[in-house]
Amino acid sequence: MIVLLCLGALNLGAQTTDLHVITKRLEKIFAYQPGYEVNIEGEKADVLVETWDKQQVAVRLELSARHPDKATAEADLEKIRYLAERVKNKIYLRNYIAIKEGESKPESNLHARYVITVPEDCPVYLKNYFGAATVSNLTKSFRFFGEFSKVDMENVRGEIDLRSRFGDIFGKFLDGNVSIASRRSDITLEEIKGHFDIQAQYGAVSILSVAGLLDLSIDAEQGNVYLFDPKLREYAYTLTARHGQVNYPGDLALELLTEQQELKKMQFKPNREYYPSITISVTFGDVYLEKEKPGEGKRP
């Protein structure tokens, strides 16, 4: 285990005001064994989770405070608390703001940045508020809860559970059992495989290529759903639009089940023994099925 703390100041010149940036850094390494889990809770934090082939969890945390007055920045930095410890099989990482009785609220721009490197089979649970997260190459389990925090994932497999408010979700090469619940967040997924269950409110859902998909269920409210895939005829569809429209290529030949003023329901089954199932239900939004994504500025 290695711990390193350092404190420094940086003067950033601007046209009218000099900003003093005071930083504190922590580096720590935990031994890892199967059955451990990493729990991260960030506040005003950017979090990067990556993998390596060592049986260790490495943590680099940088805390910073920016303010025109150096003394204010230094004092505000001390109001940021952090935690990096293992309790049984849980490795806990956390930063938060703590104000003692009688102390003023921080005036500085406070920020945290994590770089966390784990074995690829290490389960990760990340909570983040007012920040951003980038996660790659996990193979077992990833859980995320964010508010005002976007999350960007690539090559993440296994059990995936995402909950987001006011933070966009982007995923590429996701594979496994995936559950997503979002509110006022756009969702963009590319090259997905496995089982997907998506609940979305007040945000667009865009799916680009579902080769390898087993089944996909989307329930959206107050937002459009876009599915782009060159092999649309290889999947079975049940599509429902309440107070909306269903748009699709003419050669798909959807069967109209229900057509009312406020409700449209369609389905399609390919002429083959096995086919993945796609169920999309939209309320106050439209459904778009297309073989390829339109060029910039051409989205329906």
Protein backbone atom coordinates (compact mmCIF):
# COMPACT_ATOMS: atom_id res chain seq x y z
CA MET A 1 0.00 0.00 0.00
CA ILE A 2 1.41 3.40 -0.97
CA VAL A 3 0.01 6.72 0.15
CA LEU A 4 1.26 10.04 -1.19
CA LEU A 5 -0.19 13.42 -0.32
CA CYS A 6 1.03 16.69 -1.71
CA LEU A 7 -0.24 20.25 -1.68
CA GLY A 8 0.49 22.83 -4.31
CA ALA A 9 -0.63 26.13 -5.75
CA LEU A 10 -0.85 27.28 -9.34
CA ASN A 11 -1.41 30.81 -10.54
CA LEU A 12 -3.52 30.96 -13.69
CA GLY A 13 -3.38 34.31 -15.42
CA ALA A 14 -6.53 35.72 -17.00
CA GLN A 15 -7.32 38.98 -18.68
CA THR A 16 -8.90 40.49 -15.59
CA THR A 17 -8.45 38.06 -12.66
CA ASP A 18 -5.72 35.68 -11.49
CA LEU A 19 -7.07 32.32 -10.31
CA HIS A 20 -5.18 30.45 -7.63
CA VAL A 21 -5.52 26.69 -7.95
CA ILE A 22 -4.67 24.71 -4.84
CA THR A 23 -4.46 20.93 -5.21
CA LYS A 24 -4.20 17.92 -2.96
CA ARG A 25 -3.34 14.49 -4.32
CA LEU A 26 -3.75 10.96 -3.01
CA GLU A 27 -2.37 7.73 -4.44
CA LYS A 28 -3.24 4.40 -2.90
CA ILE A 29 -3.06 0.72 -3.90
CA PHE A 30 -5.27 -2.05 -2.50
CA ALA A 31 -4.64 -5.76 -2.87
CA TYR A 32 -7.51 -7.37 -4.77
CA GLN A 33 -9.02 -10.84 -4.72
CA PRO A 34 -12.18 -12.29 -6.31
CA GLY A 35 -15.28 -11.29 -4.38
CA TYR A 36 -14.11 -7.73 -3.73
CA GLU A 37 -16.09 -4.75 -5.03
CA VAL A 38 -15.13 -1.12 -5.56
CA ASN A 39 -17.65 1.48 -4.38
CA ILE A 40 -17.11 5.09 -5.52
CA GLU A 41 -19.11 8.14 -4.50
CA GLY A 42 -18.04 11.34 -6.20
CA GLU A 43 -19.26 14.90 -5.76
CA LYS A 44 -18.29 17.45 -8.42
CA ALA A 45 -16.01 14.73 -9.71
CA ASP A 46 -14.70 13.36 -12.98
CA VAL A 47 -14.19 9.61 -12.63
CA LEU A 48 -12.15 7.39 -14.94
CA VAL A 49 -12.37 3.62 -14.40
CA GLU A 50 -10.00 1.47 -16.44
CA THR A 51 -8.54 -2.05 -16.18
CA TRP A 52 -5.23 -3.84 -16.06
CA ASP A 53 -3.88 -7.39 -15.53
CA LYS A 54 -2.71 -6.91 -11.93
CA GLN A 55 -4.58 -8.22 -8.87
CA GLN A 56 -4.62 -4.73 -7.42
CA VAL A 57 -6.88 -1.70 -7.29
CA ALA A 58 -4.95 1.52 -7.86
CA VAL A 59 -6.45 4.88 -6.95
CA ARG A 60 -5.30 8.35 -7.89
CA LEU A 61 -7.39 11.18 -6.53
CA GLU A 62 -6.80 14.89 -7.12
CA LEU A 63 -8.80 17.49 -5.21
CA SER A 64 -8.63 21.13 -6.24
CA ALA A 65 -9.98 24.54 -5.29
CA ARG A 66 -9.91 27.58 -7.58
CA HIS A 67 -10.39 31.14 -6.37
CA PRO A 68 -8.90 34.59 -7.06
CA ASP A 69 -7.83 34.74 -3.41
CA LYS A 70 -5.17 32.18 -2.50
CA ALA A 71 -6.08 32.04 1.19
CA THR A 72 -9.73 31.38 0.33
CA ALA A 73 -8.77 28.56 -2.04
CA GLU A 74 -6.53 27.00 0.60
CA ALA A 75 -9.25 27.21 3.26
CA ASP A 76 -11.92 25.82 0.95
CA LEU A 77 -9.74 22.88 -0.08
CA GLU A 78 -9.65 21.80 3.55
CA LYS A 79 -13.46 21.54 3.48
CA ILE A 80 -13.23 18.67 0.99
CA ARG A 81 -13.07 15.33 2.77
CA TYR A 82 -12.08 12.06 1.17
CA LEU A 83 -12.21 8.39 2.05
CA ALA A 84 -10.12 5.55 0.64
CA GLU A 85 -10.34 2.35 2.67
CA ARG A 86 -11.27 -1.31 2.53
CA VAL A 87 -13.90 -2.75 4.85
CA LYS A 88 -14.09 -6.54 4.46
CA ASN A 89 -14.72 -7.13 0.74
CA LYS A 90 -15.66 -3.52 -0.12
CA ILE A 91 -13.16 -0.87 -1.23
CA TYR A 92 -14.74 2.51 -0.52
CA LEU A 93 -13.69 5.70 -2.32
CA ARG A 94 -15.48 8.94 -1.60
CA ASN A 95 -15.11 12.70 -1.64
CA TYR A 96 -17.54 15.14 -0.09
CA ILE A 97 -17.78 18.65 1.34
CA ALA A 98 -17.93 18.94 5.13
CA ILE A 99 -18.58 22.29 6.82
CA LYS A 100 -18.02 22.64 10.55
CA GLU A 101 -20.44 24.55 12.71
CA GLY A 102 -19.89 28.27 12.22
CA GLU A 103 -17.86 27.84 9.01
CA SER A 104 -18.90 29.56 5.80
CA LYS A 105 -19.77 27.65 2.64
CA PRO A 106 -16.93 27.25 0.12
CA GLU A 107 -16.50 30.18 -2.24
CA SER A 108 -14.03 28.41 -4.51
CA ASN A 109 -14.72 26.23 -7.51
CA LEU A 110 -14.13 22.77 -6.05
CA HIS A 111 -13.37 19.72 -8.15
CA ALA A 112 -12.26 16.10 -7.79
CA ARG A 113 -10.70 13.78 -10.35
CA TYR A 114 -10.40 10.03 -9.86
CA VAL A 115 -8.34 7.59 -11.93
CA ILE A 116 -9.17 4.08 -10.74
CA THR A 117 -7.54 0.99 -12.23
CA VAL A 118 -9.04 -2.41 -11.42
CA PRO A 119 -8.87 -6.03 -12.63
CA GLU A 120 -11.39 -6.48 -15.45
CA ASP A 121 -13.54 -8.88 -13.37
CA CYS A 122 -13.83 -6.44 -10.45
CA PRO A 123 -17.44 -5.30 -9.82
CA VAL A 124 -17.77 -1.50 -9.68
CA TYR A 125 -20.55 0.59 -8.14
CA LEU A 126 -20.30 4.28 -8.95
CA LYS A 127 -22.39 7.14 -7.63
CA ASN A 128 -21.60 10.55 -9.06
CA TYR A 129 -23.13 13.99 -8.65
CA PHE A 130 -22.38 17.01 -10.86
CA GLY A 131 -19.55 15.42 -12.83
CA ALA A 132 -18.72 12.91 -15.54
CA ALA A 133 -17.68 9.25 -15.66
CA THR A 134 -15.75 7.19 -18.20
CA VAL A 135 -15.69 3.41 -17.78
CA SER A 136 -14.10 0.74 -19.98
CA ASN A 137 -13.35 -2.98 -20.24
CA LEU A 138 -15.19 -4.29 -17.18
CA THR A 139 -16.40 -7.88 -17.62
CA LYS A 140 -18.48 -8.78 -14.55
CA SER A 141 -20.65 -6.03 -13.05
CA PHE A 142 -21.11 -2.28 -13.30
CA ARG A 143 -23.71 -0.24 -11.43
CA PHE A 144 -24.14 3.50 -11.84
CA PHE A 145 -26.29 6.12 -10.18
CA GLY A 146 -25.81 9.69 -11.35
CA GLU A 147 -27.39 13.10 -11.01
CA PHE A 148 -26.19 15.83 -13.35
CA SER A 149 -23.41 13.44 -14.31
CA LYS A 150 -22.96 11.91 -17.75
CA VAL A 151 -21.52 8.42 -18.15
CA ASP A 152 -19.53 7.08 -21.10
CA MET A 153 -18.93 3.32 -21.36
CA GLU A 154 -16.99 1.18 -23.82
CA ASN A 155 -16.58 -2.59 -23.91
CA VAL A 156 -18.43 -3.19 -20.64
CA ARG A 157 -19.95 -6.64 -20.16
CA GLY A 158 -21.90 -8.61 -17.58
CA GLU A 159 -24.56 -7.27 -15.24
CA ILE A 160 -25.05 -3.56 -16.00
CA ASP A 161 -27.47 -1.37 -14.06
CA LEU A 162 -27.65 2.36 -14.85
CA ARG A 163 -29.77 5.05 -13.16
CA SER A 164 -29.41 8.66 -14.30
CA ARG A 165 -31.11 12.02 -13.78
CA PHE A 166 -30.00 14.99 -15.89
CA GLY A 167 -26.98 13.10 -17.20
CA ASP A 168 -26.61 11.62 -20.70
CA ILE A 169 -25.71 7.96 -21.14
CA PHE A 170 -23.43 6.71 -23.92
CA GLY A 171 -22.40 3.09 -24.38
CA LYS A 172 -20.48 1.24 -27.09
CA PHE A 173 -19.92 -2.54 -27.21
CA LEU A 174 -22.12 -3.25 -24.19
CA ASP A 175 -22.94 -6.93 -23.71
CA GLY A 176 -24.93 -8.69 -20.99
CA ASN A 177 -28.01 -8.09 -18.90
CA VAL A 178 -28.47 -4.33 -19.10
CA SER A 179 -31.04 -2.28 -17.19
CA ILE A 180 -31.32 1.49 -17.71
CA ALA A 181 -33.64 4.00 -16.05
CA SER A 182 -33.19 7.66 -16.96
CA ARG A 183 -34.97 10.98 -16.53
CA ARG A 184 -34.12 14.04 -18.59
CA SER A 185 -31.16 12.22 -20.08
CA ASP A 186 -30.39 11.25 -23.67
CA ILE A 187 -29.33 7.64 -24.22
CA THR A 188 -27.06 6.58 -27.11
CA LEU A 189 -26.00 2.94 -27.48
CA GLU A 190 -23.84 1.48 -30.27
CA GLU A 191 -23.06 -2.14 -31.22
CA ILE A 192 -24.99 -3.70 -28.36
CA LYS A 193 -25.47 -7.37 -27.46
CA GLY A 194 -27.46 -9.25 -24.85
CA HIS A 195 -30.65 -8.31 -23.02
CA PHE A 196 -31.67 -4.65 -22.62
CA ASP A 197 -34.46 -3.11 -20.57
CA ILE A 198 -34.67 0.68 -20.92
CA GLN A 199 -37.03 3.06 -19.10
CA ALA A 200 -36.64 6.68 -20.28
CA GLN A 201 -38.47 9.88 -19.44
CA TYR A 202 -37.91 13.24 -21.12
CA GLY A 203 -34.99 12.22 -23.30
CA ALA A 204 -34.18 10.68 -26.70
CA VAL A 205 -33.11 7.04 -27.03
CA SER A 206 -30.84 6.21 -29.99
CA ILE A 207 -29.74 2.63 -30.72
CA LEU A 208 -27.12 2.09 -33.44
CA SER A 209 -26.71 -1.56 -34.51
CA VAL A 210 -28.07 -4.46 -32.49
CA ALA A 211 -26.07 -7.33 -34.00
CA GLY A 212 -25.87 -9.98 -31.30
CA LEU A 213 -28.94 -8.66 -29.51
CA LEU A 214 -31.09 -11.21 -27.66
CA ASP A 215 -33.96 -8.92 -26.75
CA LEU A 216 -34.60 -5.20 -26.31
CA SER A 217 -37.41 -3.49 -24.44
CA ILE A 218 -37.79 0.30 -24.43
CA ASP A 219 -40.50 2.21 -22.58
CA ALA A 220 -40.14 5.93 -23.28
CA GLU A 221 -42.16 8.94 -22.25
CA GLN A 222 -41.87 12.46 -23.67
CA GLY A 223 -39.05 11.52 -26.03
CA ASN A 224 -38.36 9.91 -29.40
CA VAL A 225 -36.81 6.47 -29.94
CA TYR A 226 -34.44 5.85 -32.88
CA LEU A 227 -33.25 2.42 -34.01
CA PHE A 228 -30.63 2.30 -36.76
CA ASP A 229 -29.59 -1.13 -38.09
CA PRO A 230 -28.90 -2.43 -41.62
CA LYS A 231 -30.68 -5.73 -40.85
CA LEU A 232 -34.02 -4.52 -39.55
CA ARG A 233 -35.87 -7.46 -41.13
CA GLU A 234 -34.03 -9.98 -38.92
CA TYR A 235 -35.80 -8.92 -35.73
CA ALA A 236 -39.34 -9.22 -34.40
CA TYR A 237 -41.06 -5.98 -33.41
CA THR A 238 -43.92 -4.87 -31.24
CA LEU A 239 -44.19 -1.10 -31.55
CA THR A 240 -46.65 1.11 -29.70
CA ALA A 241 -47.00 4.90 -29.97
CA ARG A 242 -49.41 6.82 -27.77
CA HIS A 243 -49.84 10.39 -29.00
CA GLY A 244 -47.08 9.74 -31.53
CA GLN A 245 -46.10 8.13 -34.83
CA VAL A 246 -44.24 5.02 -36.00
CA ASN A 247 -41.85 5.63 -38.92
CA TYR A 248 -40.18 2.70 -40.74
CA PRO A 249 -38.89 1.61 -44.17
CA GLY A 250 -41.56 0.46 -46.60
CA ASP A 251 -39.96 -2.96 -47.13
CA LEU A 252 -40.32 -3.83 -43.45
CA ALA A 253 -44.06 -4.46 -43.90
CA LEU A 254 -45.23 -3.97 -40.34
CA GLU A 255 -48.64 -5.37 -39.50
CA LEU A 256 -51.03 -2.79 -38.11
CA LEU A 257 -52.73 -4.15 -34.97
CA THR A 258 -54.36 -1.01 -33.61
CA GLU A 259 -54.90 2.40 -35.19
CA GLN A 260 -56.77 4.97 -33.16
CA GLN A 261 -56.47 8.72 -32.97
CA GLU A 262 -54.20 8.54 -29.92
CA LEU A 263 -52.84 4.99 -30.21
CA LYS A 264 -50.96 3.05 -32.88
CA LYS A 265 -49.67 -0.50 -32.44
CA MET A 266 -47.72 -2.53 -35.01
CA GLN A 267 -45.81 -5.77 -35.15
CA PHE A 268 -43.49 -7.73 -37.43
CA LYS A 269 -42.12 -11.26 -37.30
CA PRO A 270 -39.36 -12.40 -39.66
CA ASN A 271 -39.64 -15.60 -41.64
CA ARG A 272 -37.08 -17.57 -39.66
CA GLU A 273 -37.01 -19.98 -36.72
CA TYR A 274 -35.14 -17.76 -34.25
CA TYR A 275 -35.21 -14.03 -34.01
CA PRO A 276 -34.44 -11.42 -31.35
CA SER A 277 -37.43 -9.51 -30.00
CA ILE A 278 -37.63 -5.72 -29.93
CA THR A 279 -40.46 -4.07 -28.00
CA ILE A 280 -40.76 -0.29 -28.08
CA SER A 281 -43.49 1.71 -26.38
CA VAL A 282 -43.53 5.49 -26.60
CA THR A 283 -45.89 7.99 -25.00
CA PHE A 284 -45.84 11.54 -26.39
CA GLY A 285 -43.00 10.70 -28.76
CA ASP A 286 -42.26 9.02 -32.09
CA VAL A 287 -40.55 5.78 -33.11
CA TYR A 288 -38.07 5.76 -36.00
CA LEU A 289 -36.68 2.57 -37.58
CA GLU A 290 -33.99 3.16 -40.19
CA LYS A 291 -31.29 1.05 -41.82
CA GLU A 292 -28.63 3.67 -41.22
CA LYS A 293 -28.25 6.84 -39.26
CA PRO A 294 -28.91 9.95 -41.32
CA GLY A 295 -26.08 12.41 -41.87
CA GLU A 296 -25.57 15.30 -39.53
CA GLY A 297 -28.57 17.59 -39.53
CA LYS A 298 -30.80 15.03 -41.28
CA ARG A 299 -32.39 13.30 -38.31
CA PRO A 300 -36.15 13.20 -38.70
